[in-house]
PDB file of N, CA and C in Angstrom:
ATOM      1  N   MET A   1     147.771 143.803  48.858  1.00  0.00           N
ATOM      2  CA  MET A   1     146.993 142.685  48.489  1.00  0.00           C
ATOM      3  C   MET A   1     147.782 141.644  47.715  1.00  0.00           C
ATOM      4  N   ASP A   2     149.126 141.742  47.703  1.00  0.00           N
ATOM      5  CA  ASP A   2     149.897 140.863  46.943  1.00  0.00           C
ATOM      6  C   ASP A   2     149.726 139.366  47.503  1.00  0.00           C
ATOM      7  N   ASN A   3     149.464 139.240  48.768  1.00  0.00           N
ATOM      8  CA  ASN A   3     149.227 137.901  49.352  1.00  0.00           C
ATOM      9  C   ASN A   3     147.882 137.325  49.043  1.00  0.00           C
ATOM     10  N   PHE A   4     147.040 138.138  48.451  1.00  0.00           N
ATOM     11  CA  PHE A   4     145.647 137.727  48.185  1.00  0.00           C
ATOM     12  C   PHE A   4     145.286 138.058  46.658  1.00  0.00           C
ATOM     13  N   PRO A   5     145.894 137.310  45.773  1.00  0.00           N
ATOM     14  CA  PRO A   5     145.629 137.581  44.404  1.00  0.00           C
ATOM     15  C   PRO A   5     144.220 137.387  43.954  1.00  0.00           C
ATOM     16  N   HIS A   6     143.480 136.644  44.695  1.00  0.00           N
ATOM     17  CA  HIS A   6     142.069 136.391  44.354  1.00  0.00           C
ATOM     18  C   HIS A   6     141.039 137.116  45.269  1.00  0.00           C
ATOM     19  N   ALA A   7     141.470 138.298  45.820  1.00  0.00           N
ATOM     20  CA  ALA A   7     140.677 138.993  46.776  1.00  0.00           C
ATOM     21  C   ALA A   7     139.320 139.341  46.191  1.00  0.00           C
ATOM     22  N   ALA A   8     139.274 139.661  44.944  1.00  0.00           N
ATOM     23  CA  ALA A   8     137.900 140.061  44.325  1.00  0.00           C
ATOM     24  C   ALA A   8     136.993 138.857  44.291  1.00  0.00           C
ATOM     25  N   ASP A   9     137.506 137.662  44.265  1.00  0.00           N
ATOM     26  CA  ASP A   9     136.676 136.462  44.244  1.00  0.00           C
ATOM     27  C   ASP A   9     136.244 135.953  45.581  1.00  0.00           C
ATOM     28  N   MET A  10     136.708 136.572  46.632  1.00  0.00           N
ATOM     29  CA  MET A  10     136.355 136.043  47.982  1.00  0.00           C
ATOM     30  C   MET A  10     134.999 136.423  48.433  1.00  0.00           C
ATOM     31  N   PRO A  11     134.177 135.478  48.941  1.00  0.00           N
ATOM     32  CA  PRO A  11     132.914 135.792  49.548  1.00  0.00           C
ATOM     33  C   PRO A  11     133.056 136.733  50.687  1.00  0.00           C
ATOM     34  N   VAL A  12     132.118 137.732  50.781  1.00  0.00           N
ATOM     35  CA  VAL A  12     132.185 138.754  51.820  1.00  0.00           C
ATOM     36  C   VAL A  12     132.279 138.126  53.229  1.00  0.00           C
ATOM     37  N   GLY A  13     131.415 137.119  53.514  1.00  0.00           N
ATOM     38  CA  GLY A  13     131.434 136.461  54.839  1.00  0.00           C
ATOM     39  C   GLY A  13     132.819 135.812  55.119  1.00  0.00           C
ATOM     40  N   PHE A  14     133.380 135.296  54.116  1.00  0.00           N
ATOM     41  CA  PHE A  14     134.718 134.651  54.335  1.00  0.00           C
ATOM     42  C   PHE A  14     135.750 135.756  54.664  1.00  0.00           C
ATOM     43  N   THR A  15     135.699 136.845  53.909  1.00  0.00           N
ATOM     44  CA  THR A  15     136.614 137.983  54.123  1.00  0.00           C
ATOM     45  C   THR A  15     136.463 138.492  55.549  1.00  0.00           C
ATOM     46  N   MET A  16     135.209 138.676  55.979  1.00  0.00           N
ATOM     47  CA  MET A  16     134.970 139.237  57.286  1.00  0.00           C
ATOM     48  C   MET A  16     135.491 138.306  58.427  1.00  0.00           C
ATOM     49  N   ALA A  17     135.163 136.979  58.249  1.00  0.00           N
ATOM     50  CA  ALA A  17     135.638 135.966  59.284  1.00  0.00           C
ATOM     51  C   ALA A  17     137.111 135.895  59.270  1.00  0.00           C
ATOM     52  N   LEU A  18     137.694 135.901  58.101  1.00  0.00           N
ATOM     53  CA  LEU A  18     139.221 135.830  58.025  1.00  0.00           C
ATOM     54  C   LEU A  18     139.839 137.009  58.665  1.00  0.00           C
ATOM     55  N   SER A  19     139.196 138.232  58.521  1.00  0.00           N
ATOM     56  CA  SER A  19     139.767 139.423  59.116  1.00  0.00           C
ATOM     57  C   SER A  19     139.691 139.386  60.632  1.00  0.00           C
ATOM     58  N   GLN A  20     138.880 138.572  61.209  1.00  0.00           N
ATOM     59  CA  GLN A  20     138.732 138.444  62.692  1.00  0.00           C
ATOM     60  C   GLN A  20     139.594 137.389  63.250  1.00  0.00           C
ATOM     61  N   ASN A  21     140.331 136.668  62.415  1.00  0.00           N
ATOM     62  CA  ASN A  21     141.150 135.534  62.883  1.00  0.00           C
ATOM     63  C   ASN A  21     142.563 135.652  62.336  1.00  0.00           C
ATOM     64  N   ALA A  22     143.450 136.216  63.075  1.00  0.00           N
ATOM     65  CA  ALA A  22     144.834 136.551  62.574  1.00  0.00           C
ATOM     66  C   ALA A  22     145.578 135.264  62.169  1.00  0.00           C
ATOM     67  N   ALA A  23     145.424 134.215  62.914  1.00  0.00           N
ATOM     68  CA  ALA A  23     146.134 132.902  62.637  1.00  0.00           C
ATOM     69  C   ALA A  23     145.604 132.411  61.276  1.00  0.00           C
ATOM     70  N   ALA A  24     144.307 132.483  61.015  1.00  0.00           N
ATOM     71  CA  ALA A  24     143.818 131.994  59.738  1.00  0.00           C
ATOM     72  C   ALA A  24     144.225 132.877  58.636  1.00  0.00           C
ATOM     73  N   MET A  25     144.227 134.117  58.895  1.00  0.00           N
ATOM     74  CA  MET A  25     144.724 135.088  57.843  1.00  0.00           C
ATOM     75  C   MET A  25     146.148 134.842  57.398  1.00  0.00           C
ATOM     76  N   ARG A  26     147.050 134.588  58.453  1.00  0.00           N
ATOM     77  CA  ARG A  26     148.474 134.248  58.153  1.00  0.00           C
ATOM     78  C   ARG A  26     148.531 132.993  57.338  1.00  0.00           C
ATOM     79  N   ARG A  27     147.747 131.988  57.756  1.00  0.00           N
ATOM     80  CA  ARG A  27     147.787 130.724  57.015  1.00  0.00           C
ATOM     81  C   ARG A  27     147.344 130.870  55.613  1.00  0.00           C
ATOM     82  N   PHE A  28     146.239 131.582  55.416  1.00  0.00           N
ATOM     83  CA  PHE A  28     145.681 131.822  54.117  1.00  0.00           C
ATOM     84  C   PHE A  28     146.682 132.568  53.184  1.00  0.00           C
ATOM     85  N   ALA A  29     147.351 133.601  53.757  1.00  0.00           N
ATOM     86  CA  ALA A  29     148.339 134.437  53.015  1.00  0.00           C
ATOM     87  C   ALA A  29     149.528 133.577  52.676  1.00  0.00           C
ATOM     88  N   SER A  30     149.839 132.567  53.449  1.00  0.00           N
ATOM     89  CA  SER A  30     151.050 131.727  53.089  1.00  0.00           C
ATOM     90  C   SER A  30     150.771 130.696  52.081  1.00  0.00           C
ATOM     91  N   MET A  31     149.543 130.482  51.715  1.00  0.00           N
ATOM     92  CA  MET A  31     149.151 129.494  50.714  1.00  0.00           C
ATOM     93  C   MET A  31     149.523 129.907  49.331  1.00  0.00           C
ATOM     94  N   SER A  32     149.637 128.940  48.483  1.00  0.00           N
ATOM     95  CA  SER A  32     149.842 129.177  47.035  1.00  0.00           C
ATOM     96  C   SER A  32     148.472 129.712  46.520  1.00  0.00           C
ATOM     97  N   PRO A  33     148.526 130.401  45.390  1.00  0.00           N
ATOM     98  CA  PRO A  33     147.272 130.892  44.762  1.00  0.00           C
ATOM     99  C   PRO A  33     146.363 129.859  44.502  1.00  0.00           C
ATOM    100  N   GLU A  34     146.780 128.626  44.076  1.00  0.00           N
ATOM    101  CA  GLU A  34     145.936 127.494  43.804  1.00  0.00           C
ATOM    102  C   GLU A  34     145.245 127.015  45.058  1.00  0.00           C
ATOM    103  N   ASP A  35     145.932 126.909  46.193  1.00  0.00           N
ATOM    104  CA  ASP A  35     145.322 126.531  47.452  1.00  0.00           C
ATOM    105  C   ASP A  35     144.391 127.555  47.964  1.00  0.00           C
ATOM    106  N   GLN A  36     144.678 128.867  47.755  1.00  0.00           N
ATOM    107  CA  GLN A  36     143.811 129.923  48.133  1.00  0.00           C
ATOM    108  C   GLN A  36     142.404 129.765  47.384  1.00  0.00           C
ATOM    109  N   LEU A  37     142.501 129.460  46.066  1.00  0.00           N
ATOM    110  CA  LEU A  37     141.343 129.282  45.294  1.00  0.00           C
ATOM    111  C   LEU A  37     140.482 128.061  45.869  1.00  0.00           C
ATOM    112  N   ARG A  38     141.190 127.007  46.210  1.00  0.00           N
ATOM    113  CA  ARG A  38     140.495 125.871  46.758  1.00  0.00           C
ATOM    114  C   ARG A  38     139.756 126.228  48.077  1.00  0.00           C
ATOM    115  N   VAL A  39     140.400 127.006  48.933  1.00  0.00           N
ATOM    116  CA  VAL A  39     139.703 127.457  50.171  1.00  0.00           C
ATOM    117  C   VAL A  39     138.593 128.383  49.879  1.00  0.00           C
ATOM    118  N   ILE A  40     138.765 129.290  48.893  1.00  0.00           N
ATOM    119  CA  ILE A  40     137.705 130.209  48.571  1.00  0.00           C
ATOM    120  C   ILE A  40     136.529 129.441  48.025  1.00  0.00           C
ATOM    121  N   ASP A  41     136.760 128.455  47.209  1.00  0.00           N
ATOM    122  CA  ASP A  41     135.647 127.643  46.631  1.00  0.00           C
ATOM    123  C   ASP A  41     134.929 126.908  47.776  1.00  0.00           C
ATOM    124  N   GLY A  42     135.676 126.426  48.796  1.00  0.00           N
ATOM    125  CA  GLY A  42     134.973 125.822  49.926  1.00  0.00           C
ATOM    126  C   GLY A  42     134.146 126.780  50.637  1.00  0.00           C
ATOM    127  N   ALA A  43     134.621 128.036  50.827  1.00  0.00           N
ATOM    128  CA  ALA A  43     133.886 129.078  51.602  1.00  0.00           C
ATOM    129  C   ALA A  43     132.548 129.419  50.842  1.00  0.00           C
ATOM    130  N   ARG A  44     132.497 129.193  49.518  1.00  0.00           N
ATOM    131  CA  ARG A  44     131.259 129.476  48.876  1.00  0.00           C
ATOM    132  C   ARG A  44     130.115 128.515  49.288  1.00  0.00           C
ATOM    133  N   GLY A  45     130.515 127.366  49.736  1.00  0.00           N
ATOM    134  CA  GLY A  45     129.464 126.384  50.114  1.00  0.00           C
ATOM    135  C   GLY A  45     129.042 126.479  51.590  1.00  0.00           C
ATOM    136  N   VAL A  46     129.533 127.523  52.297  1.00  0.00           N
ATOM    137  CA  VAL A  46     129.153 127.682  53.697  1.00  0.00           C
ATOM    138  C   VAL A  46     127.824 128.464  53.768  1.00  0.00           C
ATOM    139  N   ALA A  47     126.906 127.990  54.655  1.00  0.00           N
ATOM    140  CA  ALA A  47     125.510 128.488  54.620  1.00  0.00           C
ATOM    141  C   ALA A  47     125.245 129.509  55.778  1.00  0.00           C
ATOM    142  N   SER A  48     126.015 129.617  56.795  1.00  0.00           N
ATOM    143  CA  SER A  48     125.720 130.497  57.852  1.00  0.00           C
ATOM    144  C   SER A  48     126.982 131.175  58.454  1.00  0.00           C
ATOM    145  N   ARG A  49     126.796 132.213  59.158  1.00  0.00           N
ATOM    146  CA  ARG A  49     127.829 132.915  59.827  1.00  0.00           C
ATOM    147  C   ARG A  49     128.616 132.056  60.759  1.00  0.00           C
ATOM    148  N   GLU A  50     127.977 131.226  61.548  1.00  0.00           N
ATOM    149  CA  GLU A  50     128.543 130.333  62.534  1.00  0.00           C
ATOM    150  C   GLU A  50     129.415 129.290  61.808  1.00  0.00           C
ATOM    151  N   GLU A  51     128.837 128.734  60.694  1.00  0.00           N
ATOM    152  CA  GLU A  51     129.587 127.772  59.913  1.00  0.00           C
ATOM    153  C   GLU A  51     130.859 128.423  59.291  1.00  0.00           C
ATOM    154  N   MET A  52     130.741 129.675  58.839  1.00  0.00           N
ATOM    155  CA  MET A  52     131.893 130.316  58.275  1.00  0.00           C
ATOM    156  C   MET A  52     133.001 130.483  59.350  1.00  0.00           C
ATOM    157  N   HIS A  53     132.565 130.926  60.513  1.00  0.00           N
ATOM    158  CA  HIS A  53     133.580 131.026  61.592  1.00  0.00           C
ATOM    159  C   HIS A  53     134.278 129.721  61.872  1.00  0.00           C
ATOM    160  N   GLY A  54     133.527 128.663  61.868  1.00  0.00           N
ATOM    161  CA  GLY A  54     134.093 127.338  62.039  1.00  0.00           C
ATOM    162  C   GLY A  54     135.040 126.978  60.898  1.00  0.00           C
ATOM    163  N   TYR A  55     134.692 127.320  59.662  1.00  0.00           N
ATOM    164  CA  TYR A  55     135.442 127.037  58.502  1.00  0.00           C
ATOM    165  C   TYR A  55     136.799 127.756  58.660  1.00  0.00           C
ATOM    166  N   VAL A  56     136.725 129.027  58.992  1.00  0.00           N
ATOM    167  CA  VAL A  56     138.018 129.844  59.078  1.00  0.00           C
ATOM    168  C   VAL A  56     138.763 129.335  60.263  1.00  0.00           C
ATOM    169  N   GLU A  57     138.149 128.961  61.394  1.00  0.00           N
ATOM    170  CA  GLU A  57     138.875 128.450  62.514  1.00  0.00           C
ATOM    171  C   GLU A  57     139.653 127.120  62.091  1.00  0.00           C
ATOM    172  N   SER A  58     139.015 126.316  61.324  1.00  0.00           N
ATOM    173  CA  SER A  58     139.660 125.077  60.860  1.00  0.00           C
ATOM    174  C   SER A  58     140.906 125.408  59.997  1.00  0.00           C
ATOM    175  N   LEU A  59     140.756 126.495  59.272  1.00  0.00           N
ATOM    176  CA  LEU A  59     141.934 126.935  58.491  1.00  0.00           C
ATOM    177  C   LEU A  59     143.133 127.283  59.331  1.00  0.00           C
ATOM    178  N   ALA A  60     142.850 127.992  60.489  1.00  0.00           N
ATOM    179  CA  ALA A  60     143.920 128.383  61.374  1.00  0.00           C
ATOM    180  C   ALA A  60     144.468 127.128  62.058  1.00  0.00           C
ATOM    181  N   LYS A  61     143.622 126.193  62.459  1.00  0.00           N
ATOM    182  CA  LYS A  61     144.127 124.983  63.106  1.00  0.00           C
ATOM    183  C   LYS A  61     144.996 124.074  62.140  1.00  0.00           C
ATOM    184  N   ALA A  62     144.609 124.200  60.844  1.00  0.00           N
ATOM    185  CA  ALA A  62     145.404 123.381  59.879  1.00  0.00           C
ATOM    186  C   ALA A  62     146.767 123.961  59.737  1.00  0.00           C
ATOM    187  N   GLY A  63     146.957 125.217  60.087  1.00  0.00           N
ATOM    188  CA  GLY A  63     148.294 125.811  60.043  1.00  0.00           C
ATOM    189  C   GLY A  63     149.098 125.615  61.281  1.00  0.00           C
ATOM    190  N   GLY A  64     148.576 124.862  62.240  1.00  0.00           N
ATOM    191  CA  GLY A  64     149.289 124.606  63.421  1.00  0.00           C
ATOM    192  C   GLY A  64     149.258 125.689  64.442  1.00  0.00           C
ATOM    193  N   GLN A  65     148.302 126.586  64.363  1.00  0.00           N
ATOM    194  CA  GLN A  65     148.211 127.665  65.235  1.00  0.00           C
ATOM    195  C   GLN A  65     147.460 127.325  66.525  1.00  0.00           C
TER     196      GLN A  65
END
């Protein structure tokens, strides 16, 4: 969990969606701890499973995957 210093702060839905998207997980793991916190904070505002999958997909696409 060295790549995820804020794992305890991650919303469960975000963790689950991230675990299903390898490209997004690689992108998230490569981020600085500060950027990870920013993404986690954004995930807290997501209201549905579908929206969370879209949020995580956008994370993968932002990484050029």
